[in-house]
Amino acid sequence: MEISTADLYDELGESVQSVSTQFQNLGGKKMFSGRVRTVKCYHDNVVLKSVLSTPGDGAVLVVDGGGSLDRALMGDMIAEIALTNNWSGVIIYGAIRDRAVLATLPLGVKALGSNPRKSAKEGAGEVDVPVAIGGIIFSPGAMVHADEDGILVLEQAP
């Protein structure tokens, strides 16, 4: 059963962390949750694509793109890969592209904005390392809940 982030916060209070950074809802699925997996990359989406090409088992990929809006880290083709591999959603501290198509896909997508400029392809990045976004540490294995109101992080599922 899905529960809104506001209701979840009311239920659990200060035991959950609320992300202060204001993300845009850009996917067709507005409410999503799952175990956290992480990628840390800057202007380069090779590692991001590699992780989303593996079975997601309903997880949410949290991507620390350094907050850059200079290059898109994900577009429609990578989003399709995520769907094929059963990822619940992707939260990108950076930009996406193909936002009109992403809005039609049943994938949760939150990002800071969009830019048609594609990413670099050098393969730089780290996987499953703690990443800090909006004053919150996203640790691999934590639980994340996202909807139109924002993003909550729990160390354990409620």
Protein backbone atom coordinates (compact mmCIF):
# COMPACT_ATOMS: atom_id res chain seq x y z
CA MET A 1 0.00 0.00 0.00
CA GLU A 2 1.40 3.38 -0.97
CA ILE A 3 1.34 6.17 1.58
CA SER A 4 1.92 9.86 0.89
CA THR A 5 5.10 11.43 2.22
CA ALA A 6 3.01 13.85 4.30
CA ASP A 7 1.09 10.99 5.95
CA LEU A 8 4.29 9.01 6.42
CA TYR A 9 5.94 12.00 8.09
CA ASP A 10 2.88 12.48 10.34
CA GLU A 11 3.12 8.83 11.34
CA LEU A 12 6.89 8.62 11.91
CA GLY A 13 7.85 12.23 12.75
CA GLU A 14 11.49 13.08 13.26
CA SER A 15 12.60 9.48 12.74
CA VAL A 16 12.48 10.17 8.97
CA GLN A 17 14.67 12.60 7.07
CA SER A 18 13.05 15.13 4.76
CA VAL A 19 15.05 16.33 1.74
CA SER A 20 14.92 20.13 1.50
CA THR A 21 16.11 20.37 -2.12
CA GLN A 22 13.20 21.10 -4.44
CA PHE A 23 13.10 18.48 -7.19
CA GLN A 24 10.76 18.50 -10.19
CA ASN A 25 8.50 15.50 -10.81
CA LEU A 26 9.37 14.49 -14.36
CA GLY A 27 8.29 10.85 -14.69
CA GLY A 28 4.85 9.40 -15.30
CA LYS A 29 4.79 7.78 -11.85
CA LYS A 30 4.36 10.55 -9.24
CA MET A 31 4.55 8.38 -6.10
CA PHE A 32 7.33 5.83 -5.76
CA SER A 33 9.46 4.17 -3.13
CA GLY A 34 12.12 1.52 -2.74
CA ARG A 35 15.48 0.61 -1.35
CA VAL A 36 18.22 3.11 -2.16
CA ARG A 37 21.01 2.39 -4.62
CA THR A 38 23.39 5.24 -5.42
CA VAL A 39 25.61 6.58 -8.17
CA LYS A 40 27.91 9.55 -7.86
CA CYS A 41 28.84 11.02 -11.23
CA TYR A 42 29.36 14.42 -12.80
CA HIS A 43 28.38 15.09 -16.43
CA ASP A 44 29.01 11.39 -17.23
CA ASN A 45 26.22 8.79 -17.30
CA VAL A 46 28.08 5.59 -18.21
CA VAL A 47 28.01 4.24 -14.64
CA LEU A 48 24.37 5.35 -14.17
CA LYS A 49 23.34 3.44 -17.31
CA SER A 50 25.34 0.40 -16.21
CA VAL A 51 23.56 0.25 -12.83
CA LEU A 52 20.10 0.72 -14.37
CA SER A 53 20.93 -2.15 -16.76
CA THR A 54 20.96 -4.55 -13.79
CA PRO A 55 17.88 -5.93 -11.98
CA GLY A 56 16.40 -3.15 -9.86
CA ASP A 57 14.00 -5.29 -7.82
CA GLY A 58 11.89 -2.18 -7.16
CA ALA A 59 14.82 -0.06 -5.94
CA VAL A 60 15.27 3.68 -6.43
CA LEU A 61 18.53 4.93 -7.92
CA VAL A 62 19.70 8.16 -6.26
CA VAL A 63 22.18 9.98 -8.47
CA ASP A 64 24.49 12.70 -7.18
CA GLY A 65 25.23 14.69 -10.32
CA GLY A 66 26.67 17.57 -8.32
CA GLY A 67 23.52 19.63 -8.90
CA SER A 68 24.69 20.47 -12.41
CA LEU A 69 22.16 21.45 -15.05
CA ASP A 70 24.86 21.67 -17.76
CA ARG A 71 24.31 18.14 -19.12
CA ALA A 72 21.52 15.59 -18.89
CA LEU A 73 22.37 12.40 -17.03
CA MET A 74 19.30 10.45 -18.18
CA GLY A 75 16.92 10.50 -21.11
CA ASP A 76 14.17 8.33 -22.53
CA MET A 77 16.39 5.44 -23.63
CA ILE A 78 17.98 4.98 -20.21
CA ALA A 79 14.56 5.37 -18.56
CA GLU A 80 13.28 2.52 -20.74
CA ILE A 81 16.22 0.41 -19.57
CA ALA A 82 15.28 1.18 -15.95
CA LEU A 83 11.68 0.09 -16.60
CA THR A 84 12.78 -3.12 -18.30
CA ASN A 85 14.91 -3.94 -15.25
CA ASN A 86 12.19 -3.23 -12.65
CA TRP A 87 13.47 -0.01 -11.08
CA SER A 88 10.81 1.94 -9.17
CA GLY A 89 12.36 5.34 -9.80
CA VAL A 90 15.37 7.58 -10.25
CA ILE A 91 16.20 10.71 -8.25
CA ILE A 92 18.81 12.84 -10.01
CA TYR A 93 20.56 15.75 -8.34
CA GLY A 94 21.16 17.16 -11.81
CA ALA A 95 19.39 17.28 -15.17
CA ILE A 96 17.50 14.89 -17.43
CA ARG A 97 16.40 15.23 -21.06
CA ASP A 98 13.47 13.97 -23.14
CA ARG A 99 11.14 15.23 -20.44
CA ALA A 100 7.99 14.95 -22.62
CA VAL A 101 8.63 11.22 -23.12
CA LEU A 102 9.66 10.65 -19.49
CA ALA A 103 6.33 12.13 -18.38
CA THR A 104 4.53 9.28 -20.20
CA LEU A 105 6.58 6.42 -18.72
CA PRO A 106 5.47 4.53 -15.58
CA LEU A 107 8.73 5.37 -13.82
CA GLY A 108 9.29 7.73 -10.92
CA VAL A 109 11.70 10.46 -12.00
CA LYS A 110 12.75 13.44 -9.95
CA ALA A 111 15.46 15.83 -11.11
CA LEU A 112 16.41 19.47 -10.76
CA GLY A 113 15.50 20.26 -14.36
CA SER A 114 16.24 19.39 -17.96
CA ASN A 115 18.81 20.14 -20.64
CA PRO A 116 18.95 18.62 -24.14
CA ARG A 117 22.76 18.45 -23.98
CA LYS A 118 23.83 14.82 -23.55
CA SER A 119 26.32 13.60 -21.00
CA ALA A 120 29.96 12.66 -21.41
CA LYS A 121 30.82 8.99 -21.91
CA GLU A 122 34.09 8.49 -20.04
CA GLY A 123 32.90 6.02 -17.41
CA ALA A 124 33.72 8.15 -14.37
CA GLY A 125 31.62 7.56 -11.29
CA GLU A 126 31.10 5.62 -8.07
CA VAL A 127 28.39 3.08 -7.21
CA ASP A 128 26.71 2.37 -3.87
CA VAL A 129 28.53 5.04 -1.90
CA PRO A 130 26.73 7.38 0.52
CA VAL A 131 25.69 10.60 -1.24
CA ALA A 132 24.58 13.87 0.36
CA ILE A 133 21.72 15.82 -1.21
CA GLY A 134 19.68 18.54 0.46
CA GLY A 135 21.34 18.01 3.81
CA ILE A 136 20.43 14.32 3.84
CA ILE A 137 22.74 11.33 3.43
CA PHE A 138 21.35 8.66 1.09
CA SER A 139 22.96 5.37 2.13
CA PRO A 140 22.62 2.25 0.00
CA GLY A 141 19.94 0.02 1.49
CA ALA A 142 17.97 2.83 3.16
CA MET A 143 14.32 3.23 2.20
CA VAL A 144 13.19 6.25 0.16
CA HIS A 145 9.64 7.50 -0.41
CA ALA A 146 8.89 10.20 -2.99
CA ASP A 147 5.79 12.00 -4.25
CA GLU A 148 4.67 15.51 -5.26
CA ASP A 149 5.32 16.80 -1.72
CA GLY A 150 8.94 15.71 -1.59
CA ILE A 151 11.33 12.98 -0.59
CA LEU A 152 11.66 11.14 2.73
CA VAL A 153 14.50 8.80 3.71
CA LEU A 154 14.22 6.07 6.34
CA GLU A 155 17.02 3.79 7.43
CA GLN A 156 14.53 0.91 7.75
CA ALA A 157 11.16 0.27 6.13
CA PRO A 158 8.19 1.30 8.33
